[in-house]
Amino acid sequence: GLLSIRQVHQYVNNNTPECRGRRMFTSRLIWNCHYNQKLA
């Protein structure tokens, strides 16, 4: 928790051009939430 998923998601969207790499990476941030939702 030195960084939050939301902090990184917003930083990436605000500081990178729209591209396949950005879409793939931000989708993995959502998967992070998905798996933790399972444990919750």
PDB file of all heavy atoms in Angstrom:
ATOM      1  N   GLY A   1       0.780  -1.226   0.000  1.00  0.00           N
ATOM      2  CA  GLY A   1       0.000   0.000   0.000  1.00  0.00           C
ATOM      3  C   GLY A   1       0.809   1.272   0.000  1.00  0.00           C
ATOM      4  O   GLY A   1       0.323   2.315   0.432  1.00  0.00           O
ATOM      5  N   LEU A   2       2.053   1.250  -0.482  1.00  0.00           N
ATOM      6  CA  LEU A   2       2.796   2.488  -0.629  1.00  0.00           C
ATOM      7  C   LEU A   2       2.179   3.347  -1.734  1.00  0.00           C
ATOM      8  O   LEU A   2       2.291   4.575  -1.707  1.00  0.00           O
ATOM      9  CB  LEU A   2       4.271   2.217  -0.936  1.00  0.00           C
ATOM     10  CG  LEU A   2       5.135   1.817   0.273  1.00  0.00           C
ATOM     11  CD1 LEU A   2       4.913   0.358   0.642  1.00  0.00           C
ATOM     12  CD2 LEU A   2       6.613   2.063  -0.011  1.00  0.00           C
ATOM     13  N   LEU A   3       1.570   2.686  -2.702  1.00  0.00           N
ATOM     14  CA  LEU A   3       0.776   3.341  -3.733  1.00  0.00           C
ATOM     15  C   LEU A   3      -0.588   2.676  -3.767  1.00  0.00           C
ATOM     16  O   LEU A   3      -0.696   1.465  -3.547  1.00  0.00           O
ATOM     17  CB  LEU A   3       1.429   3.205  -5.112  1.00  0.00           C
ATOM     18  CG  LEU A   3       2.780   3.889  -5.336  1.00  0.00           C
ATOM     19  CD1 LEU A   3       3.353   3.468  -6.690  1.00  0.00           C
ATOM     20  CD2 LEU A   3       2.656   5.404  -5.247  1.00  0.00           C
ATOM     21  N   SER A   4      -1.625   3.446  -4.064  1.00  0.00           N
ATOM     22  CA  SER A   4      -2.940   2.846  -4.246  1.00  0.00           C
ATOM     23  C   SER A   4      -3.167   2.553  -5.723  1.00  0.00           C
ATOM     24  O   SER A   4      -2.552   3.179  -6.599  1.00  0.00           O
ATOM     25  CB  SER A   4      -4.043   3.773  -3.724  1.00  0.00           C
ATOM     26  OG  SER A   4      -4.259   4.868  -4.607  1.00  0.00           O
ATOM     27  N   ILE A   5      -4.042   1.604  -5.980  1.00  0.00           N
ATOM     28  CA  ILE A   5      -4.398   1.287  -7.365  1.00  0.00           C
ATOM     29  C   ILE A   5      -4.945   2.534  -8.061  1.00  0.00           C
ATOM     30  O   ILE A   5      -4.622   2.822  -9.213  1.00  0.00           O
ATOM     31  CB  ILE A   5      -5.447   0.158  -7.395  1.00  0.00           C
ATOM     32  CG1 ILE A   5      -4.868  -1.142  -6.825  1.00  0.00           C
ATOM     33  CG2 ILE A   5      -5.959  -0.067  -8.820  1.00  0.00           C
ATOM     34  CD1 ILE A   5      -3.774  -1.764  -7.646  1.00  0.00           C
ATOM     35  N   ARG A   6      -5.750   3.292  -7.347  1.00  0.00           N
ATOM     36  CA  ARG A   6      -6.355   4.478  -7.952  1.00  0.00           C
ATOM     37  C   ARG A   6      -5.306   5.548  -8.260  1.00  0.00           C
ATOM     38  O   ARG A   6      -5.368   6.193  -9.321  1.00  0.00           O
ATOM     39  CB  ARG A   6      -7.437   5.044  -7.038  1.00  0.00           C
ATOM     40  CG  ARG A   6      -8.087   6.303  -7.589  1.00  0.00           C
ATOM     41  CD  ARG A   6      -9.417   6.596  -6.952  1.00  0.00           C
ATOM     42  NE  ARG A   6      -9.339   6.739  -5.502  1.00  0.00           N
ATOM     43  CZ  ARG A   6     -10.418   6.883  -4.733  1.00  0.00           C
ATOM     44  NH1 ARG A   6     -11.623   6.890  -5.262  1.00  0.00           N
ATOM     45  NH2 ARG A   6     -10.290   7.008  -3.420  1.00  0.00           N
ATOM     46  N   GLN A   7      -4.346   5.748  -7.366  1.00  0.00           N
ATOM     47  CA  GLN A   7      -3.292   6.713  -7.638  1.00  0.00           C
ATOM     48  C   GLN A   7      -2.583   6.388  -8.950  1.00  0.00           C
ATOM     49  O   GLN A   7      -2.358   7.272  -9.784  1.00  0.00           O
ATOM     50  CB  GLN A   7      -2.256   6.704  -6.508  1.00  0.00           C
ATOM     51  CG  GLN A   7      -2.633   7.452  -5.257  1.00  0.00           C
ATOM     52  CD  GLN A   7      -1.523   7.352  -4.237  1.00  0.00           C
ATOM     53  OE1 GLN A   7      -1.242   6.281  -3.691  1.00  0.00           O
ATOM     54  NE2 GLN A   7      -0.868   8.483  -3.964  1.00  0.00           N
ATOM     55  N   VAL A   8      -2.220   5.130  -9.124  1.00  0.00           N
ATOM     56  CA  VAL A   8      -1.473   4.727 -10.315  1.00  0.00           C
ATOM     57  C   VAL A   8      -2.356   4.794 -11.550  1.00  0.00           C
ATOM     58  O   VAL A   8      -1.930   5.247 -12.613  1.00  0.00           O
ATOM     59  CB  VAL A   8      -0.882   3.315 -10.121  1.00  0.00           C
ATOM     60  CG1 VAL A   8      -0.269   2.800 -11.422  1.00  0.00           C
ATOM     61  CG2 VAL A   8       0.153   3.333  -8.999  1.00  0.00           C
ATOM     62  N   HIS A   9      -3.602   4.352 -11.431  1.00  0.00           N
ATOM     63  CA  HIS A   9      -4.523   4.385 -12.563  1.00  0.00           C
ATOM     64  C   HIS A   9      -4.674   5.815 -13.073  1.00  0.00           C
ATOM     65  O   HIS A   9      -4.595   6.072 -14.292  1.00  0.00           O
ATOM     66  CB  HIS A   9      -5.878   3.823 -12.134  1.00  0.00           C
ATOM     67  CG  HIS A   9      -6.837   3.567 -13.252  1.00  0.00           C
ATOM     68  ND1 HIS A   9      -7.640   4.557 -13.779  1.00  0.00           N
ATOM     69  CD2 HIS A   9      -7.124   2.437 -13.962  1.00  0.00           C
ATOM     70  CE1 HIS A   9      -8.377   4.059 -14.747  1.00  0.00           C
ATOM     71  NE2 HIS A   9      -8.088   2.770 -14.872  1.00  0.00           N
ATOM     72  N   GLN A  10      -4.873   6.757 -12.186  1.00  0.00           N
ATOM     73  CA  GLN A  10      -5.064   8.140 -12.601  1.00  0.00           C
ATOM     74  C   GLN A  10      -3.765   8.750 -13.124  1.00  0.00           C
ATOM     75  O   GLN A  10      -3.780   9.513 -14.101  1.00  0.00           O
ATOM     76  CB  GLN A  10      -5.626   8.957 -11.436  1.00  0.00           C
ATOM     77  CG  GLN A  10      -7.039   8.535 -11.048  1.00  0.00           C
ATOM     78  CD  GLN A  10      -7.633   9.378  -9.930  1.00  0.00           C
ATOM     79  OE1 GLN A  10      -7.027  10.349  -9.474  1.00  0.00           O
ATOM     80  NE2 GLN A  10      -8.825   9.001  -9.472  1.00  0.00           N
ATOM     81  N   TYR A  11      -2.650   8.409 -12.502  1.00  0.00           N
ATOM     82  CA  TYR A  11      -1.369   8.958 -12.973  1.00  0.00           C
ATOM     83  C   TYR A  11      -1.068   8.472 -14.391  1.00  0.00           C
ATOM     84  O   TYR A  11      -0.630   9.254 -15.241  1.00  0.00           O
ATOM     85  CB  TYR A  11      -0.238   8.547 -12.030  1.00  0.00           C
ATOM     86  CG  TYR A  11       1.096   9.146 -12.415  1.00  0.00           C
ATOM     87  CD1 TYR A  11       1.455  10.417 -11.971  1.00  0.00           C
ATOM     88  CD2 TYR A  11       1.987   8.452 -13.237  1.00  0.00           C
ATOM     89  CE1 TYR A  11       2.672  10.977 -12.334  1.00  0.00           C
ATOM     90  CE2 TYR A  11       3.201   9.002 -13.601  1.00  0.00           C
ATOM     91  CZ  TYR A  11       3.540  10.268 -13.150  1.00  0.00           C
ATOM     92  OH  TYR A  11       4.748  10.823 -13.524  1.00  0.00           O
ATOM     93  N   VAL A  12      -1.305   7.196 -14.639  1.00  0.00           N
ATOM     94  CA  VAL A  12      -1.033   6.644 -15.973  1.00  0.00           C
ATOM     95  C   VAL A  12      -1.944   7.291 -17.006  1.00  0.00           C
ATOM     96  O   VAL A  12      -1.499   7.695 -18.093  1.00  0.00           O
ATOM     97  CB  VAL A  12      -1.201   5.110 -15.964  1.00  0.00           C
ATOM     98  CG1 VAL A  12      -1.215   4.553 -17.389  1.00  0.00           C
ATOM     99  CG2 VAL A  12      -0.081   4.464 -15.155  1.00  0.00           C
ATOM    100  N   ASN A  13      -3.231   7.413 -16.703  1.00  0.00           N
ATOM    101  CA  ASN A  13      -4.158   8.015 -17.666  1.00  0.00           C
ATOM    102  C   ASN A  13      -3.856   9.487 -17.919  1.00  0.00           C
ATOM    103  O   ASN A  13      -4.077   9.994 -19.024  1.00  0.00           O
ATOM    104  CB  ASN A  13      -5.603   7.865 -17.168  1.00  0.00           C
ATOM    105  CG  ASN A  13      -6.164   6.484 -17.444  1.00  0.00           C
ATOM    106  OD1 ASN A  13      -5.714   5.785 -18.351  1.00  0.00           O
ATOM    107  ND2 ASN A  13      -7.132   6.070 -16.651  1.00  0.00           N
ATOM    108  N   ASN A  14      -3.333  10.166 -16.908  1.00  0.00           N
ATOM    109  CA  ASN A  14      -3.054  11.591 -17.056  1.00  0.00           C
ATOM    110  C   ASN A  14      -1.701  11.895 -17.678  1.00  0.00           C
ATOM    111  O   ASN A  14      -1.451  13.039 -18.091  1.00  0.00           O
ATOM    112  CB  ASN A  14      -3.135  12.290 -15.689  1.00  0.00           C
ATOM    113  CG  ASN A  14      -4.538  12.306 -15.118  1.00  0.00           C
ATOM    114  OD1 ASN A  14      -5.514  12.213 -15.854  1.00  0.00           O
ATOM    115  ND2 ASN A  14      -4.643  12.408 -13.798  1.00  0.00           N
ATOM    116  N   ASN A  15      -0.830  10.887 -17.745  1.00  0.00           N
ATOM    117  CA  ASN A  15       0.541  11.167 -18.176  1.00  0.00           C
ATOM    118  C   ASN A  15       1.021  10.298 -19.328  1.00  0.00           C
ATOM    119  O   ASN A  15       2.218  10.311 -19.642  1.00  0.00           O
ATOM    120  CB  ASN A  15       1.500  11.005 -16.991  1.00  0.00           C
ATOM    121  CG  ASN A  15       1.309  12.059 -15.926  1.00  0.00           C
ATOM    122  OD1 ASN A  15       1.841  13.156 -16.032  1.00  0.00           O
ATOM    123  ND2 ASN A  15       0.534  11.723 -14.895  1.00  0.00           N
ATOM    124  N   THR A  16       0.114   9.564 -19.963  1.00  0.00           N
ATOM    125  CA  THR A  16       0.500   8.763 -21.119  1.00  0.00           C
ATOM    126  C   THR A  16      -0.517   8.957 -22.233  1.00  0.00           C
ATOM    127  O   THR A  16      -1.698   9.210 -21.964  1.00  0.00           O
ATOM    128  CB  THR A  16       0.565   7.262 -20.778  1.00  0.00           C
ATOM    129  OG1 THR A  16      -0.729   6.820 -20.352  1.00  0.00           O
ATOM    130  CG2 THR A  16       1.572   6.988 -19.691  1.00  0.00           C
ATOM    131  N   PRO A  17      -0.077   8.841 -23.477  1.00  0.00           N
ATOM    132  CA  PRO A  17      -1.034   8.920 -24.583  1.00  0.00           C
ATOM    133  C   PRO A  17      -1.884   7.666 -24.639  1.00  0.00           C
ATOM    134  O   PRO A  17      -1.487   6.599 -24.140  1.00  0.00           O
ATOM    135  CB  PRO A  17      -0.123   9.033 -25.813  1.00  0.00           C
ATOM    136  CG  PRO A  17       1.135   8.338 -25.404  1.00  0.00           C
ATOM    137  CD  PRO A  17       1.313   8.636 -23.946  1.00  0.00           C
ATOM    138  N   GLU A  18      -3.062   7.764 -25.223  1.00  0.00           N
ATOM    139  CA  GLU A  18      -3.917   6.587 -25.401  1.00  0.00           C
ATOM    140  C   GLU A  18      -3.199   5.618 -26.338  1.00  0.00           C
ATOM    141  O   GLU A  18      -2.806   5.970 -27.438  1.00  0.00           O
ATOM    142  CB  GLU A  18      -5.263   7.011 -25.985  1.00  0.00           C
ATOM    143  CG  GLU A  18      -6.396   6.014 -25.740  1.00  0.00           C
ATOM    144  CD  GLU A  18      -6.275   4.752 -26.594  1.00  0.00           C
ATOM    145  OE1 GLU A  18      -5.742   4.862 -27.720  1.00  0.00           O
ATOM    146  OE2 GLU A  18      -6.699   3.683 -26.132  1.00  0.00           O
ATOM    147  N   CYS A  19      -3.000   4.402 -25.866  1.00  0.00           N
ATOM    148  CA  CYS A  19      -2.293   3.400 -26.663  1.00  0.00           C
ATOM    149  C   CYS A  19      -2.621   2.028 -26.106  1.00  0.00           C
ATOM    150  O   CYS A  19      -3.215   1.884 -25.036  1.00  0.00           O
ATOM    151  CB  CYS A  19      -0.781   3.634 -26.648  1.00  0.00           C
ATOM    152  SG  CYS A  19      -0.014   3.482 -25.006  1.00  0.00           S
ATOM    153  N   ARG A  20      -2.223   1.009 -26.842  1.00  0.00           N
ATOM    154  CA  ARG A  20      -2.510  -0.361 -26.416  1.00  0.00           C
ATOM    155  C   ARG A  20      -1.834  -0.681 -25.090  1.00  0.00           C
ATOM    156  O   ARG A  20      -2.412  -1.350 -24.226  1.00  0.00           O
ATOM    157  CB  ARG A  20      -2.042  -1.333 -27.493  1.00  0.00           C
ATOM    158  CG  ARG A  20      -2.371  -2.788 -27.161  1.00  0.00           C
ATOM    159  CD  ARG A  20      -2.029  -3.707 -28.335  1.00  0.00           C
ATOM    160  NE  ARG A  20      -2.347  -5.072 -27.980  1.00  0.00           N
ATOM    161  CZ  ARG A  20      -1.475  -6.078 -28.014  1.00  0.00           C
ATOM    162  NH1 ARG A  20      -0.233  -5.850 -28.387  1.00  0.00           N
ATOM    163  NH2 ARG A  20      -1.839  -7.295 -27.679  1.00  0.00           N
ATOM    164  N   GLY A  21      -0.611  -0.201 -24.895  1.00  0.00           N
ATOM    165  CA  GLY A  21       0.088  -0.464 -23.644  1.00  0.00           C
ATOM    166  C   GLY A  21      -0.653   0.097 -22.454  1.00  0.00           C
ATOM    167  O   GLY A  21      -0.753  -0.548 -21.411  1.00  0.00           O
ATOM    168  N   ARG A  22      -1.202   1.306 -22.603  1.00  0.00           N
ATOM    169  CA  ARG A  22      -1.950   1.895 -21.504  1.00  0.00           C
ATOM    170  C   ARG A  22      -3.216   1.105 -21.227  1.00  0.00           C
ATOM    171  O   ARG A  22      -3.568   0.852 -20.061  1.00  0.00           O
ATOM    172  CB  ARG A  22      -2.304   3.351 -21.816  1.00  0.00           C
ATOM    173  CG  ARG A  22      -2.882   4.081 -20.616  1.00  0.00           C
ATOM    174  CD  ARG A  22      -3.136   5.541 -20.912  1.00  0.00           C
ATOM    175  NE  ARG A  22      -4.453   5.762 -21.509  1.00  0.00           N
ATOM    176  CZ  ARG A  22      -4.967   6.969 -21.764  1.00  0.00           C
ATOM    177  NH1 ARG A  22      -4.236   8.051 -21.512  1.00  0.00           N
ATOM    178  NH2 ARG A  22      -6.160   7.099 -22.293  1.00  0.00           N
ATOM    179  N   ARG A  23      -3.920   0.695 -22.278  1.00  0.00           N
ATOM    180  CA  ARG A  23      -5.151  -0.077 -22.072  1.00  0.00           C
ATOM    181  C   ARG A  23      -4.861  -1.407 -21.392  1.00  0.00           C
ATOM    182  O   ARG A  23      -5.588  -1.825 -20.483  1.00  0.00           O
ATOM    183  CB  ARG A  23      -5.858  -0.306 -23.416  1.00  0.00           C
ATOM    184  CG  ARG A  23      -6.423   0.944 -24.051  1.00  0.00           C
ATOM    185  CD  ARG A  23      -7.376   0.609 -25.181  1.00  0.00           C
ATOM    186  NE  ARG A  23      -6.764  -0.162 -26.245  1.00  0.00           N
ATOM    187  CZ  ARG A  23      -6.125   0.366 -27.284  1.00  0.00           C
ATOM    188  NH1 ARG A  23      -5.985   1.684 -27.375  1.00  0.00           N
ATOM    189  NH2 ARG A  23      -5.614  -0.405 -28.227  1.00  0.00           N
ATOM    190  N   MET A  24      -3.809  -2.070 -21.814  1.00  0.00           N
ATOM    191  CA  MET A  24      -3.484  -3.360 -21.211  1.00  0.00           C
ATOM    192  C   MET A  24      -3.092  -3.203 -19.748  1.00  0.00           C
ATOM    193  O   MET A  24      -3.509  -3.989 -18.890  1.00  0.00           O
ATOM    194  CB  MET A  24      -2.363  -4.037 -21.995  1.00  0.00           C
ATOM    195  CG  MET A  24      -2.790  -4.548 -23.357  1.00  0.00           C
ATOM    196  SD  MET A  24      -1.442  -5.385 -24.221  1.00  0.00           S
ATOM    197  CE  MET A  24      -1.186  -6.766 -23.128  1.00  0.00           C
ATOM    198  N   PHE A  25      -2.295  -2.187 -19.449  1.00  0.00           N
ATOM    199  CA  PHE A  25      -1.838  -2.019 -18.075  1.00  0.00           C
ATOM    200  C   PHE A  25      -2.990  -1.631 -17.155  1.00  0.00           C
ATOM    201  O   PHE A  25      -3.142  -2.192 -16.058  1.00  0.00           O
ATOM    202  CB  PHE A  25      -0.725  -0.973 -17.999  1.00  0.00           C
ATOM    203  CG  PHE A  25      -0.278  -0.709 -16.588  1.00  0.00           C
ATOM    204  CD1 PHE A  25       0.451  -1.663 -15.887  1.00  0.00           C
ATOM    205  CD2 PHE A  25      -0.605   0.478 -15.945  1.00  0.00           C
ATOM    206  CE1 PHE A  25       0.855  -1.433 -14.574  1.00  0.00           C
ATOM    207  CE2 PHE A  25      -0.210   0.711 -14.636  1.00  0.00           C
ATOM    208  CZ  PHE A  25       0.520  -0.245 -13.955  1.00  0.00           C
ATOM    209  N   THR A  26      -3.808  -0.681 -17.564  1.00  0.00           N
ATOM    210  CA  THR A  26      -4.925  -0.272 -16.706  1.00  0.00           C
ATOM    211  C   THR A  26      -5.940  -1.397 -16.531  1.00  0.00           C
ATOM    212  O   THR A  26      -6.597  -1.492 -15.487  1.00  0.00           O
ATOM    213  CB  THR A  26      -5.614   0.986 -17.253  1.00  0.00           C
ATOM    214  OG1 THR A  26      -5.989   0.780 -18.626  1.00  0.00           O
ATOM    215  CG2 THR A  26      -4.686   2.190 -17.161  1.00  0.00           C
ATOM    216  N   SER A  27      -6.055  -2.280 -17.525  1.00  0.00           N
ATOM    217  CA  SER A  27      -6.940  -3.436 -17.340  1.00  0.00           C
ATOM    218  C   SER A  27      -6.406  -4.347 -16.248  1.00  0.00           C
ATOM    219  O   SER A  27      -7.171  -4.944 -15.488  1.00  0.00           O
ATOM    220  CB  SER A  27      -7.103  -4.215 -18.649  1.00  0.00           C
ATOM    221  OG  SER A  27      -5.932  -4.955 -18.964  1.00  0.00           O
ATOM    222  N   ARG A  28      -5.094  -4.444 -16.130  1.00  0.00           N
ATOM    223  CA  ARG A  28      -4.511  -5.271 -15.081  1.00  0.00           C
ATOM    224  C   ARG A  28      -4.704  -4.659 -13.698  1.00  0.00           C
ATOM    225  O   ARG A  28      -4.772  -5.377 -12.699  1.00  0.00           O
ATOM    226  CB  ARG A  28      -3.033  -5.528 -15.392  1.00  0.00           C
ATOM    227  CG  ARG A  28      -2.868  -6.657 -16.405  1.00  0.00           C
ATOM    228  CD  ARG A  28      -1.595  -6.559 -17.221  1.00  0.00           C
ATOM    229  NE  ARG A  28      -1.484  -7.723 -18.098  1.00  0.00           N
ATOM    230  CZ  ARG A  28      -2.184  -7.890 -19.213  1.00  0.00           C
ATOM    231  NH1 ARG A  28      -3.047  -6.959 -19.606  1.00  0.00           N
ATOM    232  NH2 ARG A  28      -2.035  -8.979 -19.953  1.00  0.00           N
ATOM    233  N   LEU A  29      -4.786  -3.354 -13.638  1.00  0.00           N
ATOM    234  CA  LEU A  29      -5.124  -2.722 -12.357  1.00  0.00           C
ATOM    235  C   LEU A  29      -6.535  -3.115 -11.934  1.00  0.00           C
ATOM    236  O   LEU A  29      -6.813  -3.325 -10.744  1.00  0.00           O
ATOM    237  CB  LEU A  29      -5.005  -1.202 -12.472  1.00  0.00           C
ATOM    238  CG  LEU A  29      -3.612  -0.640 -12.770  1.00  0.00           C
ATOM    239  CD1 LEU A  29      -3.661   0.882 -12.846  1.00  0.00           C
ATOM    240  CD2 LEU A  29      -2.594  -1.094 -11.737  1.00  0.00           C
ATOM    241  N   ILE A  30      -7.423  -3.230 -12.913  1.00  0.00           N
ATOM    242  CA  ILE A  30      -8.791  -3.666 -12.609  1.00  0.00           C
ATOM    243  C   ILE A  30      -8.800  -5.122 -12.178  1.00  0.00           C
ATOM    244  O   ILE A  30      -9.538  -5.510 -11.262  1.00  0.00           O
ATOM    245  CB  ILE A  30      -9.706  -3.429 -13.820  1.00  0.00           C
ATOM    246  CG1 ILE A  30      -9.796  -1.930 -14.112  1.00  0.00           C
ATOM    247  CG2 ILE A  30     -11.099  -4.011 -13.585  1.00  0.00           C
ATOM    248  CD1 ILE A  30     -10.541  -1.584 -15.380  1.00  0.00           C
ATOM    249  N   TRP A  31      -7.960  -5.953 -12.804  1.00  0.00           N
ATOM    250  CA  TRP A  31      -7.875  -7.355 -12.375  1.00  0.00           C
ATOM    251  C   TRP A  31      -7.381  -7.446 -10.934  1.00  0.00           C
ATOM    252  O   TRP A  31      -7.790  -8.336 -10.187  1.00  0.00           O
ATOM    253  CB  TRP A  31      -6.959  -8.134 -13.316  1.00  0.00           C
ATOM    254  CG  TRP A  31      -7.586  -8.401 -14.650  1.00  0.00           C
ATOM    255  CD1 TRP A  31      -8.919  -8.560 -14.923  1.00  0.00           C
ATOM    256  CD2 TRP A  31      -6.904  -8.499 -15.897  1.00  0.00           C
ATOM    257  NE1 TRP A  31      -9.102  -8.768 -16.265  1.00  0.00           N
ATOM    258  CE2 TRP A  31      -7.895  -8.742 -16.891  1.00  0.00           C
ATOM    259  CE3 TRP A  31      -5.576  -8.418 -16.285  1.00  0.00           C
ATOM    260  CZ2 TRP A  31      -7.578  -8.907 -18.240  1.00  0.00           C
ATOM    261  CZ3 TRP A  31      -5.261  -8.584 -17.621  1.00  0.00           C
ATOM    262  CH2 TRP A  31      -6.260  -8.822 -18.588  1.00  0.00           C
ATOM    263  N   ASN A  32      -6.478  -6.555 -10.550  1.00  0.00           N
ATOM    264  CA  ASN A  32      -6.022  -6.538  -9.162  1.00  0.00           C
ATOM    265  C   ASN A  32      -7.225  -6.368  -8.230  1.00  0.00           C
ATOM    266  O   ASN A  32      -7.368  -7.101  -7.245  1.00  0.00           O
ATOM    267  CB  ASN A  32      -5.013  -5.393  -8.982  1.00  0.00           C
ATOM    268  CG  ASN A  32      -4.447  -5.326  -7.576  1.00  0.00           C
ATOM    269  OD1 ASN A  32      -5.162  -5.149  -6.600  1.00  0.00           O
ATOM    270  ND2 ASN A  32      -3.135  -5.444  -7.472  1.00  0.00           N
ATOM    271  N   CYS A  33      -8.097  -5.408  -8.556  1.00  0.00           N
ATOM    272  CA  CYS A  33      -9.302  -5.204  -7.751  1.00  0.00           C
ATOM    273  C   CYS A  33     -10.217  -6.421  -7.820  1.00  0.00           C
ATOM    274  O   CYS A  33     -10.843  -6.805  -6.817  1.00  0.00           O
ATOM    275  CB  CYS A  33     -10.052  -3.966  -8.246  1.00  0.00           C
ATOM    276  SG  CYS A  33      -9.127  -2.420  -8.108  1.00  0.00           S
ATOM    277  N   HIS A  34     -10.309  -7.018  -8.993  1.00  0.00           N
ATOM    278  CA  HIS A  34     -11.170  -8.185  -9.188  1.00  0.00           C
ATOM    279  C   HIS A  34     -10.799  -9.328  -8.246  1.00  0.00           C
ATOM    280  O   HIS A  34     -11.661  -9.912  -7.579  1.00  0.00           O
ATOM    281  CB  HIS A  34     -11.060  -8.641 -10.644  1.00  0.00           C
ATOM    282  CG  HIS A  34     -11.549 -10.028 -10.910  1.00  0.00           C
ATOM    283  ND1 HIS A  34     -12.877 -10.390 -10.819  1.00  0.00           N
ATOM    284  CD2 HIS A  34     -10.876 -11.145 -11.282  1.00  0.00           C
ATOM    285  CE1 HIS A  34     -13.005 -11.676 -11.126  1.00  0.00           C
ATOM    286  NE2 HIS A  34     -11.806 -12.149 -11.402  1.00  0.00           N
ATOM    287  N   TYR A  35      -9.508  -9.637  -8.152  1.00  0.00           N
ATOM    288  CA  TYR A  35      -9.097 -10.756  -7.314  1.00  0.00           C
ATOM    289  C   TYR A  35      -9.225 -10.423  -5.832  1.00  0.00           C
ATOM    290  O   TYR A  35      -9.555 -11.290  -5.016  1.00  0.00           O
ATOM    291  CB  TYR A  35      -7.672 -11.190  -7.663  1.00  0.00           C
ATOM    292  CG  TYR A  35      -7.616 -11.914  -8.987  1.00  0.00           C
ATOM    293  CD1 TYR A  35      -6.959 -11.369 -10.085  1.00  0.00           C
ATOM    294  CD2 TYR A  35      -8.265 -13.131  -9.155  1.00  0.00           C
ATOM    295  CE1 TYR A  35      -6.938 -12.025 -11.305  1.00  0.00           C
ATOM    296  CE2 TYR A  35      -8.247 -13.795 -10.375  1.00  0.00           C
ATOM    297  CZ  TYR A  35      -7.582 -13.234 -11.446  1.00  0.00           C
ATOM    298  OH  TYR A  35      -7.571 -13.876 -12.656  1.00  0.00           O
ATOM    299  N   ASN A  36      -8.970  -9.176  -5.465  1.00  0.00           N
ATOM    300  CA  ASN A  36      -9.166  -8.810  -4.066  1.00  0.00           C
ATOM    301  C   ASN A  36     -10.641  -8.768  -3.697  1.00  0.00           C
ATOM    302  O   ASN A  36     -11.000  -9.006  -2.544  1.00  0.00           O
ATOM    303  CB  ASN A  36      -8.480  -7.474  -3.772  1.00  0.00           C
ATOM    304  CG  ASN A  36      -7.030  -7.660  -3.371  1.00  0.00           C
ATOM    305  OD1 ASN A  36      -6.732  -8.091  -2.263  1.00  0.00           O
ATOM    306  ND2 ASN A  36      -6.121  -7.351  -4.286  1.00  0.00           N
ATOM    307  N   GLN A  37     -11.514  -8.474  -4.679  1.00  0.00           N
ATOM    308  CA  GLN A  37     -12.949  -8.566  -4.422  1.00  0.00           C
ATOM    309  C   GLN A  37     -13.332  -9.999  -4.080  1.00  0.00           C
ATOM    310  O   GLN A  37     -14.194 -10.244  -3.215  1.00  0.00           O
ATOM    311  CB  GLN A  37     -13.738  -8.093  -5.642  1.00  0.00           C
ATOM    312  CG  GLN A  37     -15.252  -8.136  -5.462  1.00  0.00           C
ATOM    313  CD  GLN A  37     -15.744  -7.118  -4.456  1.00  0.00           C
ATOM    314  OE1 GLN A  37     -15.605  -5.917  -4.658  1.00  0.00           O
ATOM    315  NE2 GLN A  37     -16.336  -7.597  -3.361  1.00  0.00           N
ATOM    316  N   LYS A  38     -12.688 -10.959  -4.730  1.00  0.00           N
ATOM    317  CA  LYS A  38     -12.964 -12.361  -4.430  1.00  0.00           C
ATOM    318  C   LYS A  38     -12.673 -12.675  -2.961  1.00  0.00           C
ATOM    319  O   LYS A  38     -13.454 -13.338  -2.276  1.00  0.00           O
ATOM    320  CB  LYS A  38     -12.115 -13.267  -5.328  1.00  0.00           C
ATOM    321  CG  LYS A  38     -12.590 -13.391  -6.760  1.00  0.00           C
ATOM    322  CD  LYS A  38     -11.571 -14.216  -7.566  1.00  0.00           C
ATOM    323  CE  LYS A  38     -12.059 -14.462  -8.986  1.00  0.00           C
ATOM    324  NZ  LYS A  38     -12.694 -15.772  -9.148  1.00  0.00           N
ATOM    325  N   LEU A  39     -11.516 -12.197  -2.465  1.00  0.00           N
ATOM    326  CA  LEU A  39     -11.164 -12.467  -1.078  1.00  0.00           C
ATOM    327  C   LEU A  39     -12.087 -11.714  -0.127  1.00  0.00           C
ATOM    328  O   LEU A  39     -12.422 -12.218   0.951  1.00  0.00           O
ATOM    329  CB  LEU A  39      -9.708 -12.090  -0.808  1.00  0.00           C
ATOM    330  CG  LEU A  39      -9.161 -12.489   0.563  1.00  0.00           C
ATOM    331  CD1 LEU A  39      -9.178 -14.007   0.738  1.00  0.00           C
ATOM    332  CD2 LEU A  39      -7.753 -11.946   0.767  1.00  0.00           C
ATOM    333  N   ALA A  40     -12.505 -10.511  -0.526  1.00  0.00           N
ATOM    334  CA  ALA A  40     -13.465  -9.767   0.297  1.00  0.00           C
ATOM    335  C   ALA A  40     -14.800 -10.502   0.362  1.00  0.00           C
ATOM    336  O   ALA A  40     -15.487 -10.482   1.387  1.00  0.00           O
ATOM    337  CB  ALA A  40     -13.655  -8.358  -0.263  1.00  0.00           C
TER     338      ALA A  40
END
